[in-house]
Amino acid sequence: MRPTISIPQHWGYPRFALDQRTQQGTILGLYYYPSGTELAEQFDEGWRYVLMSNKNSDEISYLQENQIQPLSPQELFTQITAEIEFYQSQIAILQQQLVVITGGSTNG
C-alpha cells in the first residue's frame, strides 16, 4: 500500500513530487505557505521544496517552484542509466568477493 498525502483543495497541487530528480537535485520534502499567513506575506505564498543536490553531500537547498527546473527525459534517462551501471558494477564486485570466500561455489 502506498502512503497517501492529503492536500487541502484551496492550496493547489504541487508541481513537483517527492523523490523527483530535477536540475537542482532530488526533492526530499515540500511544504506550503498558505495565503494570509505571516510567512506567505514575507516570502510569497505557495510550495517550497527541500532538495539535495548530490546524494553524497549533506548540502540541501530550499527553493520555490519557479526556481526549479525539471530534467528532460534524456537527462533523466542518462542519470538513471549511470546509476544502474554503478550498482551493477558494485554487485559484480560483491559476487567476486563471495566466490573468493566460498571457494568458488555459489548458488546463483
PDB file of N, CA and C in Angstrom:
ATOM      1  N   MET A   1       0.841  -1.185   0.000  1.00  0.00           N
ATOM      2  CA  MET A   1       0.000   0.000   0.000  1.00  0.00           C
ATOM      3  C   MET A   1       0.887   1.249   0.000  1.00  0.00           C
ATOM      4  N   ARG A   2       0.593   2.166  -0.877  1.00  0.00           N
ATOM      5  CA  ARG A   2       1.357   3.406  -0.965  1.00  0.00           C
ATOM      6  C   ARG A   2       0.803   4.422   0.028  1.00  0.00           C
ATOM      7  N   PRO A   3       1.702   5.191   0.643  1.00  0.00           N
ATOM      8  CA  PRO A   3       1.215   6.226   1.553  1.00  0.00           C
ATOM      9  C   PRO A   3       0.442   7.299   0.787  1.00  0.00           C
ATOM     10  N   THR A   4      -0.510   7.894   1.467  1.00  0.00           N
ATOM     11  CA  THR A   4      -1.338   8.926   0.861  1.00  0.00           C
ATOM     12  C   THR A   4      -1.122  10.241   1.586  1.00  0.00           C
ATOM     13  N   ILE A   5      -0.996  11.305   0.829  1.00  0.00           N
ATOM     14  CA  ILE A   5      -0.869  12.636   1.395  1.00  0.00           C
ATOM     15  C   ILE A   5      -2.095  13.423   0.972  1.00  0.00           C
ATOM     16  N   SER A   6      -2.783  14.004   1.921  1.00  0.00           N
ATOM     17  CA  SER A   6      -3.951  14.815   1.611  1.00  0.00           C
ATOM     18  C   SER A   6      -3.557  16.284   1.600  1.00  0.00           C
ATOM     19  N   ILE A   7      -3.946  16.974   0.542  1.00  0.00           N
ATOM     20  CA  ILE A   7      -3.649  18.397   0.388  1.00  0.00           C
ATOM     21  C   ILE A   7      -4.980  19.132   0.355  1.00  0.00           C
ATOM     22  N   PRO A   8      -5.139  20.132   1.208  1.00  0.00           N
ATOM     23  CA  PRO A   8      -6.401  20.892   1.169  1.00  0.00           C
ATOM     24  C   PRO A   8      -6.657  21.444  -0.235  1.00  0.00           C
ATOM     25  N   GLN A   9      -7.894  21.420  -0.679  1.00  0.00           N
ATOM     26  CA  GLN A   9      -8.240  21.827  -2.044  1.00  0.00           C
ATOM     27  C   GLN A   9      -7.849  23.270  -2.332  1.00  0.00           C
ATOM     28  N   HIS A  10      -7.934  24.141  -1.349  1.00  0.00           N
ATOM     29  CA  HIS A  10      -7.640  25.551  -1.595  1.00  0.00           C
ATOM     30  C   HIS A  10      -6.143  25.844  -1.668  1.00  0.00           C
ATOM     31  N   TRP A  11      -5.277  24.858  -1.478  1.00  0.00           N
ATOM     32  CA  TRP A  11      -3.831  25.057  -1.572  1.00  0.00           C
ATOM     33  C   TRP A  11      -3.310  24.947  -2.993  1.00  0.00           C
ATOM     34  N   GLY A  12      -3.963  24.238  -3.831  1.00  0.00           N
ATOM     35  CA  GLY A  12      -3.401  23.960  -5.151  1.00  0.00           C
ATOM     36  C   GLY A  12      -2.445  22.783  -5.049  1.00  0.00           C
ATOM     37  N   TYR A  13      -2.211  22.138  -6.157  1.00  0.00           N
ATOM     38  CA  TYR A  13      -1.381  20.928  -6.157  1.00  0.00           C
ATOM     39  C   TYR A  13       0.073  21.287  -6.442  1.00  0.00           C
ATOM     40  N   PRO A  14       1.030  20.639  -5.764  1.00  0.00           N
ATOM     41  CA  PRO A  14       2.452  20.940  -6.039  1.00  0.00           C
ATOM     42  C   PRO A  14       2.839  20.495  -7.448  1.00  0.00           C
ATOM     43  N   ARG A  15       3.735  21.231  -8.044  1.00  0.00           N
ATOM     44  CA  ARG A  15       4.199  20.924  -9.405  1.00  0.00           C
ATOM     45  C   ARG A  15       5.157  19.742  -9.416  1.00  0.00           C
ATOM     46  N   PHE A  16       5.921  19.574  -8.342  1.00  0.00           N
ATOM     47  CA  PHE A  16       6.933  18.522  -8.268  1.00  0.00           C
ATOM     48  C   PHE A  16       6.583  17.525  -7.170  1.00  0.00           C
ATOM     49  N   ALA A  17       7.128  16.324  -7.274  1.00  0.00           N
ATOM     50  CA  ALA A  17       6.821  15.238  -6.335  1.00  0.00           C
ATOM     51  C   ALA A  17       8.026  14.892  -5.473  1.00  0.00           C
ATOM     52  N   LEU A  18       7.758  14.275  -4.344  1.00  0.00           N
ATOM     53  CA  LEU A  18       8.840  13.774  -3.501  1.00  0.00           C
ATOM     54  C   LEU A  18       9.690  12.786  -4.293  1.00  0.00           C
ATOM     55  N   ASP A  19      10.971  12.840  -4.099  1.00  0.00           N
ATOM     56  CA  ASP A  19      11.949  11.959  -4.728  1.00  0.00           C
ATOM     57  C   ASP A  19      12.139  12.219  -6.222  1.00  0.00           C
ATOM     58  N   GLN A  20      11.516  13.288  -6.750  1.00  0.00           N
ATOM     59  CA  GLN A  20      11.687  13.632  -8.163  1.00  0.00           C
ATOM     60  C   GLN A  20      13.071  14.226  -8.375  1.00  0.00           C
ATOM     61  N   ARG A  21      13.715  13.812  -9.452  1.00  0.00           N
ATOM     62  CA  ARG A  21      15.022  14.364  -9.825  1.00  0.00           C
ATOM     63  C   ARG A  21      14.799  15.622 -10.659  1.00  0.00           C
ATOM     64  N   THR A  22      15.542  16.669 -10.335  1.00  0.00           N
ATOM     65  CA  THR A  22      15.451  17.923 -11.073  1.00  0.00           C
ATOM     66  C   THR A  22      16.871  18.394 -11.371  1.00  0.00           C
ATOM     67  N   GLN A  23      17.000  19.490 -12.122  1.00  0.00           N
ATOM     68  CA  GLN A  23      18.330  20.026 -12.400  1.00  0.00           C
ATOM     69  C   GLN A  23      19.009  20.515 -11.128  1.00  0.00           C
ATOM     70  N   GLN A  24      18.233  20.897 -10.126  1.00  0.00           N
ATOM     71  CA  GLN A  24      18.802  21.385  -8.867  1.00  0.00           C
ATOM     72  C   GLN A  24      19.061  20.267  -7.864  1.00  0.00           C
ATOM     73  N   GLY A  25      18.580  19.066  -8.133  1.00  0.00           N
ATOM     74  CA  GLY A  25      18.789  17.941  -7.228  1.00  0.00           C
ATOM     75  C   GLY A  25      17.518  17.133  -7.057  1.00  0.00           C
ATOM     76  N   THR A  26      17.534  16.261  -6.060  1.00  0.00           N
ATOM     77  CA  THR A  26      16.394  15.396  -5.775  1.00  0.00           C
ATOM     78  C   THR A  26      15.536  16.023  -4.687  1.00  0.00           C
ATOM     79  N   ILE A  27      14.225  15.988  -4.882  1.00  0.00           N
ATOM     80  CA  ILE A  27      13.308  16.593  -3.917  1.00  0.00           C
ATOM     81  C   ILE A  27      13.130  15.648  -2.733  1.00  0.00           C
ATOM     82  N   LEU A  28      13.492  16.153  -1.549  1.00  0.00           N
ATOM     83  CA  LEU A  28      13.392  15.379  -0.319  1.00  0.00           C
ATOM     84  C   LEU A  28      12.148  15.710   0.492  1.00  0.00           C
ATOM     85  N   GLY A  29      11.650  16.922   0.312  1.00  0.00           N
ATOM     86  CA  GLY A  29      10.499  17.346   1.095  1.00  0.00           C
ATOM     87  C   GLY A  29       9.855  18.566   0.477  1.00  0.00           C
ATOM     88  N   LEU A  30       8.658  18.865   0.923  1.00  0.00           N
ATOM     89  CA  LEU A  30       7.988  20.054   0.467  1.00  0.00           C
ATOM     90  C   LEU A  30       7.077  20.574   1.564  1.00  0.00           C
ATOM     91  N   TYR A  31       6.853  21.876   1.529  1.00  0.00           N
ATOM     92  CA  TYR A  31       5.934  22.493   2.469  1.00  0.00           C
ATOM     93  C   TYR A  31       5.264  23.673   1.796  1.00  0.00           C
ATOM     94  N   TYR A  32       4.217  24.168   2.432  1.00  0.00           N
ATOM     95  CA  TYR A  32       3.381  25.172   1.792  1.00  0.00           C
ATOM     96  C   TYR A  32       3.206  26.374   2.707  1.00  0.00           C
ATOM     97  N   TYR A  33       3.311  27.570   2.130  1.00  0.00           N
ATOM     98  CA  TYR A  33       2.998  28.803   2.846  1.00  0.00           C
ATOM     99  C   TYR A  33       1.602  29.238   2.404  1.00  0.00           C
ATOM    100  N   PRO A  34       0.582  29.012   3.239  1.00  0.00           N
ATOM    101  CA  PRO A  34      -0.778  29.367   2.835  1.00  0.00           C
ATOM    102  C   PRO A  34      -1.007  30.874   2.804  1.00  0.00           C
ATOM    103  N   SER A  35      -1.907  31.282   1.939  1.00  0.00           N
ATOM    104  CA  SER A  35      -2.281  32.687   1.806  1.00  0.00           C
ATOM    105  C   SER A  35      -2.800  33.208   3.146  1.00  0.00           C
ATOM    106  N   GLY A  36      -2.467  34.445   3.440  1.00  0.00           N
ATOM    107  CA  GLY A  36      -2.955  35.074   4.661  1.00  0.00           C
ATOM    108  C   GLY A  36      -2.112  34.821   5.892  1.00  0.00           C
ATOM    109  N   THR A  37      -1.000  34.106   5.731  1.00  0.00           N
ATOM    110  CA  THR A  37      -0.117  33.861   6.872  1.00  0.00           C
ATOM    111  C   THR A  37       1.069  34.814   6.813  1.00  0.00           C
ATOM    112  N   GLU A  38       1.714  34.986   7.951  1.00  0.00           N
ATOM    113  CA  GLU A  38       2.872  35.870   8.007  1.00  0.00           C
ATOM    114  C   GLU A  38       3.984  35.391   7.072  1.00  0.00           C
ATOM    115  N   LEU A  39       4.208  34.072   7.025  1.00  0.00           N
ATOM    116  CA  LEU A  39       5.248  33.540   6.133  1.00  0.00           C
ATOM    117  C   LEU A  39       4.929  33.827   4.671  1.00  0.00           C
ATOM    118  N   ALA A  40       3.664  33.675   4.282  1.00  0.00           N
ATOM    119  CA  ALA A  40       3.276  33.948   2.898  1.00  0.00           C
ATOM    120  C   ALA A  40       3.434  35.431   2.572  1.00  0.00           C
ATOM    121  N   GLU A  41       3.121  36.285   3.525  1.00  0.00           N
ATOM    122  CA  GLU A  41       3.295  37.720   3.293  1.00  0.00           C
ATOM    123  C   GLU A  41       4.761  38.091   3.156  1.00  0.00           C
ATOM    124  N   GLN A  42       5.597  37.424   3.938  1.00  0.00           N
ATOM    125  CA  GLN A  42       7.027  37.729   3.925  1.00  0.00           C
ATOM    126  C   GLN A  42       7.746  37.089   2.738  1.00  0.00           C
ATOM    127  N   PHE A  43       7.377  35.853   2.398  1.00  0.00           N
ATOM    128  CA  PHE A  43       8.125  35.094   1.389  1.00  0.00           C
ATOM    129  C   PHE A  43       7.299  34.687   0.169  1.00  0.00           C
ATOM    130  N   ASP A  44       6.064  35.106   0.053  1.00  0.00           N
ATOM    131  CA  ASP A  44       5.127  34.717  -1.001  1.00  0.00           C
ATOM    132  C   ASP A  44       4.501  33.365  -0.685  1.00  0.00           C
ATOM    133  N   GLU A  45       3.230  33.270  -0.983  1.00  0.00           N
ATOM    134  CA  GLU A  45       2.530  32.006  -0.725  1.00  0.00           C
ATOM    135  C   GLU A  45       2.932  30.976  -1.771  1.00  0.00           C
ATOM    136  N   GLY A  46       2.735  29.726  -1.434  1.00  0.00           N
ATOM    137  CA  GLY A  46       2.997  28.652  -2.386  1.00  0.00           C
ATOM    138  C   GLY A  46       3.894  27.566  -1.824  1.00  0.00           C
ATOM    139  N   TRP A  47       4.227  26.656  -2.695  1.00  0.00           N
ATOM    140  CA  TRP A  47       5.030  25.493  -2.334  1.00  0.00           C
ATOM    141  C   TRP A  47       6.505  25.838  -2.268  1.00  0.00           C
ATOM    142  N   ARG A  48       7.173  25.249  -1.302  1.00  0.00           N
ATOM    143  CA  ARG A  48       8.633  25.313  -1.150  1.00  0.00           C
ATOM    144  C   ARG A  48       9.125  23.869  -1.148  1.00  0.00           C
ATOM    145  N   TYR A  49      10.304  23.679  -1.695  1.00  0.00           N
ATOM    146  CA  TYR A  49      10.859  22.333  -1.840  1.00  0.00           C
ATOM    147  C   TYR A  49      12.223  22.248  -1.170  1.00  0.00           C
ATOM    148  N   VAL A  50      12.483  21.110  -0.561  1.00  0.00           N
ATOM    149  CA  VAL A  50      13.782  20.822   0.034  1.00  0.00           C
ATOM    150  C   VAL A  50      14.487  19.874  -0.926  1.00  0.00           C
ATOM    151  N   LEU A  51      15.660  20.292  -1.417  1.00  0.00           N
ATOM    152  CA  LEU A  51      16.372  19.495  -2.407  1.00  0.00           C
ATOM    153  C   LEU A  51      17.779  19.167  -1.945  1.00  0.00           C
ATOM    154  N   MET A  52      18.228  17.977  -2.284  1.00  0.00           N
ATOM    155  CA  MET A  52      19.613  17.570  -2.067  1.00  0.00           C
ATOM    156  C   MET A  52      20.270  17.532  -3.436  1.00  0.00           C
ATOM    157  N   SER A  53      21.283  18.360  -3.618  1.00  0.00           N
ATOM    158  CA  SER A  53      21.893  18.468  -4.938  1.00  0.00           C
ATOM    159  C   SER A  53      22.707  17.235  -5.310  1.00  0.00           C
ATOM    160  N   ASN A  54      23.222  16.540  -4.296  1.00  0.00           N
ATOM    161  CA  ASN A  54      24.087  15.394  -4.548  1.00  0.00           C
ATOM    162  C   ASN A  54      23.878  14.409  -3.413  1.00  0.00           C
ATOM    163  N   LYS A  55      23.620  13.152  -3.748  1.00  0.00           N
ATOM    164  CA  LYS A  55      23.339  12.175  -2.685  1.00  0.00           C
ATOM    165  C   LYS A  55      24.558  11.873  -1.823  1.00  0.00           C
ATOM    166  N   ASN A  56      25.728  12.314  -2.242  1.00  0.00           N
ATOM    167  CA  ASN A  56      26.939  12.110  -1.451  1.00  0.00           C
ATOM    168  C   ASN A  56      27.317  13.358  -0.657  1.00  0.00           C
ATOM    169  N   SER A  57      26.395  14.275  -0.527  1.00  0.00           N
ATOM    170  CA  SER A  57      26.636  15.522   0.186  1.00  0.00           C
ATOM    171  C   SER A  57      25.498  15.765   1.163  1.00  0.00           C
ATOM    172  N   ASP A  58      25.789  16.502   2.213  1.00  0.00           N
ATOM    173  CA  ASP A  58      24.724  16.835   3.156  1.00  0.00           C
ATOM    174  C   ASP A  58      24.155  18.229   2.883  1.00  0.00           C
ATOM    175  N   GLU A  59      24.534  18.819   1.766  1.00  0.00           N
ATOM    176  CA  GLU A  59      24.034  20.137   1.397  1.00  0.00           C
ATOM    177  C   GLU A  59      22.610  20.029   0.868  1.00  0.00           C
ATOM    178  N   ILE A  60      21.734  20.852   1.438  1.00  0.00           N
ATOM    179  CA  ILE A  60      20.366  20.907   0.943  1.00  0.00           C
ATOM    180  C   ILE A  60      20.022  22.360   0.631  1.00  0.00           C
ATOM    181  N   SER A  61      19.042  22.530  -0.233  1.00  0.00           N
ATOM    182  CA  SER A  61      18.590  23.872  -0.566  1.00  0.00           C
ATOM    183  C   SER A  61      17.080  23.915  -0.447  1.00  0.00           C
ATOM    184  N   TYR A  62      16.574  25.103  -0.239  1.00  0.00           N
ATOM    185  CA  TYR A  62      15.149  25.348  -0.117  1.00  0.00           C
ATOM    186  C   TYR A  62      14.751  26.282  -1.252  1.00  0.00           C
ATOM    187  N   LEU A  63      13.930  25.781  -2.170  1.00  0.00           N
ATOM    188  CA  LEU A  63      13.602  26.556  -3.363  1.00  0.00           C
ATOM    189  C   LEU A  63      12.097  26.647  -3.577  1.00  0.00           C
ATOM    190  N   GLN A  64      11.690  27.747  -4.211  1.00  0.00           N
ATOM    191  CA  GLN A  64      10.307  27.897  -4.635  1.00  0.00           C
ATOM    192  C   GLN A  64      10.119  27.145  -5.956  1.00  0.00           C
ATOM    193  N   GLU A  65       8.857  26.905  -6.292  1.00  0.00           N
ATOM    194  CA  GLU A  65       8.574  26.169  -7.527  1.00  0.00           C
ATOM    195  C   GLU A  65       9.211  26.812  -8.747  1.00  0.00           C
ATOM    196  N   ASN A  66       9.173  28.126  -8.830  1.00  0.00           N
ATOM    197  CA  ASN A  66       9.689  28.797 -10.023  1.00  0.00           C
ATOM    198  C   ASN A  66      11.210  28.783 -10.104  1.00  0.00           C
ATOM    199  N   GLN A  67      11.880  28.280  -9.070  1.00  0.00           N
ATOM    200  CA  GLN A  67      13.340  28.181  -9.071  1.00  0.00           C
ATOM    201  C   GLN A  67      13.832  26.792  -9.462  1.00  0.00           C
ATOM    202  N   ILE A  68      12.896  25.894  -9.716  1.00  0.00           N
ATOM    203  CA  ILE A  68      13.241  24.502 -10.003  1.00  0.00           C
ATOM    204  C   ILE A  68      12.975  24.200 -11.469  1.00  0.00           C
ATOM    205  N   GLN A  69      13.941  23.523 -12.088  1.00  0.00           N
ATOM    206  CA  GLN A  69      13.809  23.110 -13.491  1.00  0.00           C
ATOM    207  C   GLN A  69      13.764  21.585 -13.549  1.00  0.00           C
ATOM    208  N   PRO A  70      12.742  21.021 -14.172  1.00  0.00           N
ATOM    209  CA  PRO A  70      12.710  19.557 -14.302  1.00  0.00           C
ATOM    210  C   PRO A  70      13.787  19.084 -15.264  1.00  0.00           C
ATOM    211  N   LEU A  71      14.150  17.833 -15.140  1.00  0.00           N
ATOM    212  CA  LEU A  71      15.079  17.223 -16.093  1.00  0.00           C
ATOM    213  C   LEU A  71      14.322  16.846 -17.356  1.00  0.00           C
ATOM    214  N   SER A  72      15.010  16.911 -18.474  1.00  0.00           N
ATOM    215  CA  SER A  72      14.407  16.429 -19.721  1.00  0.00           C
ATOM    216  C   SER A  72      14.362  14.901 -19.649  1.00  0.00           C
ATOM    217  N   PRO A  73      13.520  14.274 -20.452  1.00  0.00           N
ATOM    218  CA  PRO A  73      13.502  12.808 -20.462  1.00  0.00           C
ATOM    219  C   PRO A  73      14.891  12.214 -20.737  1.00  0.00           C
ATOM    220  N   GLN A  74      15.665  12.829 -21.632  1.00  0.00           N
ATOM    221  CA  GLN A  74      17.005  12.323 -21.945  1.00  0.00           C
ATOM    222  C   GLN A  74      17.948  12.470 -20.744  1.00  0.00           C
ATOM    223  N   GLU A  75      17.871  13.607 -20.043  1.00  0.00           N
ATOM    224  CA  GLU A  75      18.715  13.798 -18.851  1.00  0.00           C
ATOM    225  C   GLU A  75      18.356  12.793 -17.758  1.00  0.00           C
ATOM    226  N   LEU A  76      17.077  12.561 -17.585  1.00  0.00           N
ATOM    227  CA  LEU A  76      16.619  11.588 -16.598  1.00  0.00           C
ATOM    228  C   LEU A  76      17.084  10.183 -16.971  1.00  0.00           C
ATOM    229  N   PHE A  77      16.950   9.837 -18.235  1.00  0.00           N
ATOM    230  CA  PHE A  77      17.401   8.533 -18.732  1.00  0.00           C
ATOM    231  C   PHE A  77      18.897   8.363 -18.473  1.00  0.00           C
ATOM    232  N   THR A  78      19.683   9.385 -18.781  1.00  0.00           N
ATOM    233  CA  THR A  78      21.139   9.330 -18.599  1.00  0.00           C
ATOM    234  C   THR A  78      21.504   9.142 -17.133  1.00  0.00           C
ATOM    235  N   GLN A  79      20.853   9.898 -16.250  1.00  0.00           N
ATOM    236  CA  GLN A  79      21.130   9.772 -14.809  1.00  0.00           C
ATOM    237  C   GLN A  79      20.808   8.380 -14.294  1.00  0.00           C
ATOM    238  N   ILE A  80      19.633   7.892 -14.637  1.00  0.00           N
ATOM    239  CA  ILE A  80      19.200   6.583 -14.131  1.00  0.00           C
ATOM    240  C   ILE A  80      20.074   5.468 -14.709  1.00  0.00           C
ATOM    241  N   THR A  81      20.412   5.560 -15.984  1.00  0.00           N
ATOM    242  CA  THR A  81      21.276   4.555 -16.607  1.00  0.00           C
ATOM    243  C   THR A  81      22.644   4.521 -15.925  1.00  0.00           C
ATOM    244  N   ALA A  82      23.211   5.679 -15.637  1.00  0.00           N
ATOM    245  CA  ALA A  82      24.512   5.744 -14.959  1.00  0.00           C
ATOM    246  C   ALA A  82      24.416   5.135 -13.563  1.00  0.00           C
ATOM    247  N   GLU A  83      23.324   5.388 -12.875  1.00  0.00           N
ATOM    248  CA  GLU A  83      23.152   4.833 -11.533  1.00  0.00           C
ATOM    249  C   GLU A  83      23.003   3.313 -11.585  1.00  0.00           C
ATOM    250  N   ILE A  84      22.268   2.810 -12.561  1.00  0.00           N
ATOM    251  CA  ILE A  84      22.125   1.358 -12.736  1.00  0.00           C
ATOM    252  C   ILE A  84      23.484   0.722 -13.009  1.00  0.00           C
ATOM    253  N   GLU A  85      24.264   1.329 -13.902  1.00  0.00           N
ATOM    254  CA  GLU A  85      25.591   0.794 -14.228  1.00  0.00           C
ATOM    255  C   GLU A  85      26.500   0.789 -12.998  1.00  0.00           C
ATOM    256  N   PHE A  86      26.416   1.839 -12.186  1.00  0.00           N
ATOM    257  CA  PHE A  86      27.219   1.891 -10.960  1.00  0.00           C
ATOM    258  C   PHE A  86      26.851   0.730 -10.037  1.00  0.00           C
ATOM    259  N   TYR A  87      25.550   0.541  -9.797  1.00  0.00           N
ATOM    260  CA  TYR A  87      25.132  -0.529  -8.888  1.00  0.00           C
ATOM    261  C   TYR A  87      25.407  -1.916  -9.466  1.00  0.00           C
ATOM    262  N   GLN A  88      25.325  -2.070 -10.783  1.00  0.00           N
ATOM    263  CA  GLN A  88      25.659  -3.362 -11.380  1.00  0.00           C
ATOM    264  C   GLN A  88      27.141  -3.683 -11.172  1.00  0.00           C
ATOM    265  N   SER A  89      28.003  -2.688 -11.261  1.00  0.00           N
ATOM    266  CA  SER A  89      29.432  -2.934 -11.016  1.00  0.00           C
ATOM    267  C   SER A  89      29.670  -3.269  -9.550  1.00  0.00           C
ATOM    268  N   GLN A  90      28.923  -2.625  -8.649  1.00  0.00           N
ATOM    269  CA  GLN A  90      29.050  -2.946  -7.223  1.00  0.00           C
ATOM    270  C   GLN A  90      28.600  -4.376  -6.948  1.00  0.00           C
ATOM    271  N   ILE A  91      27.529  -4.810  -7.600  1.00  0.00           N
ATOM    272  CA  ILE A  91      27.039  -6.184  -7.450  1.00  0.00           C
ATOM    273  C   ILE A  91      28.085  -7.169  -7.962  1.00  0.00           C
ATOM    274  N   ALA A  92      28.706  -6.875  -9.099  1.00  0.00           N
ATOM    275  CA  ALA A  92      29.739  -7.760  -9.652  1.00  0.00           C
ATOM    276  C   ALA A  92      30.913  -7.888  -8.682  1.00  0.00           C
ATOM    277  N   ILE A  93      31.321  -6.798  -8.067  1.00  0.00           N
ATOM    278  CA  ILE A  93      32.417  -6.844  -7.085  1.00  0.00           C
ATOM    279  C   ILE A  93      32.020  -7.712  -5.891  1.00  0.00           C
ATOM    280  N   LEU A  94      30.808  -7.541  -5.398  1.00  0.00           N
ATOM    281  CA  LEU A  94      30.348  -8.347  -4.264  1.00  0.00           C
ATOM    282  C   LEU A  94      30.247  -9.826  -4.627  1.00  0.00           C
ATOM    283  N   GLN A  95      29.807 -10.111  -5.851  1.00  0.00           N
ATOM    284  CA  GLN A  95      29.730 -11.509  -6.288  1.00  0.00           C
ATOM    285  C   GLN A  95      31.129 -12.129  -6.354  1.00  0.00           C
ATOM    286  N   GLN A  96      32.122 -11.363  -6.809  1.00  0.00           N
ATOM    287  CA  GLN A  96      33.508 -11.860  -6.833  1.00  0.00           C
ATOM    288  C   GLN A  96      34.000 -12.141  -5.419  1.00  0.00           C
ATOM    289  N   GLN A  97      33.644 -11.283  -4.495  1.00  0.00           N
ATOM    290  CA  GLN A  97      34.048 -11.498  -3.105  1.00  0.00           C
ATOM    291  C   GLN A  97      33.405 -12.756  -2.542  1.00  0.00           C
ATOM    292  N   LEU A  98      32.164 -13.007  -2.901  1.00  0.00           N
ATOM    293  CA  LEU A  98      31.507 -14.233  -2.462  1.00  0.00           C
ATOM    294  C   LEU A  98      32.211 -15.466  -3.016  1.00  0.00           C
ATOM    295  N   VAL A  99      32.609 -15.416  -4.275  1.00  0.00           N
ATOM    296  CA  VAL A  99      33.317 -16.547  -4.874  1.00  0.00           C
ATOM    297  C   VAL A  99      34.607 -16.819  -4.105  1.00  0.00           C
ATOM    298  N   VAL A 100      35.302 -15.781  -3.738  1.00  0.00           N
ATOM    299  CA  VAL A 100      36.556 -15.943  -3.002  1.00  0.00           C
ATOM    300  C   VAL A 100      36.317 -16.570  -1.640  1.00  0.00           C
ATOM    301  N   ILE A 101      35.319 -16.082  -0.901  1.00  0.00           N
ATOM    302  CA  ILE A 101      35.117 -16.600   0.458  1.00  0.00           C
ATOM    303  C   ILE A 101      34.449 -17.971   0.499  1.00  0.00           C
ATOM    304  N   THR A 102      33.759 -18.366  -0.590  1.00  0.00           N
ATOM    305  CA  THR A 102      33.123 -19.674  -0.610  1.00  0.00           C
ATOM    306  C   THR A 102      33.962 -20.705  -1.364  1.00  0.00           C
ATOM    307  N   GLY A 103      35.103 -20.294  -1.845  1.00  0.00           N
ATOM    308  CA  GLY A 103      35.968 -21.213  -2.559  1.00  0.00           C
ATOM    309  C   GLY A 103      35.445 -21.546  -3.943  1.00  0.00           C
ATOM    310  N   GLY A 104      34.653 -20.677  -4.514  1.00  0.00           N
ATOM    311  CA  GLY A 104      34.196 -20.876  -5.887  1.00  0.00           C
ATOM    312  C   GLY A 104      32.851 -21.505  -6.025  1.00  0.00           C
ATOM    313  N   SER A 105      32.203 -21.869  -4.901  1.00  0.00           N
ATOM    314  CA  SER A 105      30.880 -22.486  -5.018  1.00  0.00           C
ATOM    315  C   SER A 105      29.825 -21.525  -4.495  1.00  0.00           C
ATOM    316  N   THR A 106      29.093 -20.924  -5.418  1.00  0.00           N
ATOM    317  CA  THR A 106      27.987 -20.037  -5.044  1.00  0.00           C
ATOM    318  C   THR A 106      26.704 -20.553  -5.658  1.00  0.00           C
ATOM    319  N   ASN A 107      25.627 -20.275  -5.012  1.00  0.00           N
ATOM    320  CA  ASN A 107      24.313 -20.656  -5.537  1.00  0.00           C
ATOM    321  C   ASN A 107      23.702 -19.436  -6.187  1.00  0.00           C
ATOM    322  N   GLY A 108      23.677 -19.369  -7.481  1.00  0.00           N
ATOM    323  CA  GLY A 108      23.051 -18.216  -8.100  1.00  0.00           C
ATOM    324  C   GLY A 108      23.439 -18.149  -9.468  1.00  0.00           C
TER     325      GLY A 108
END
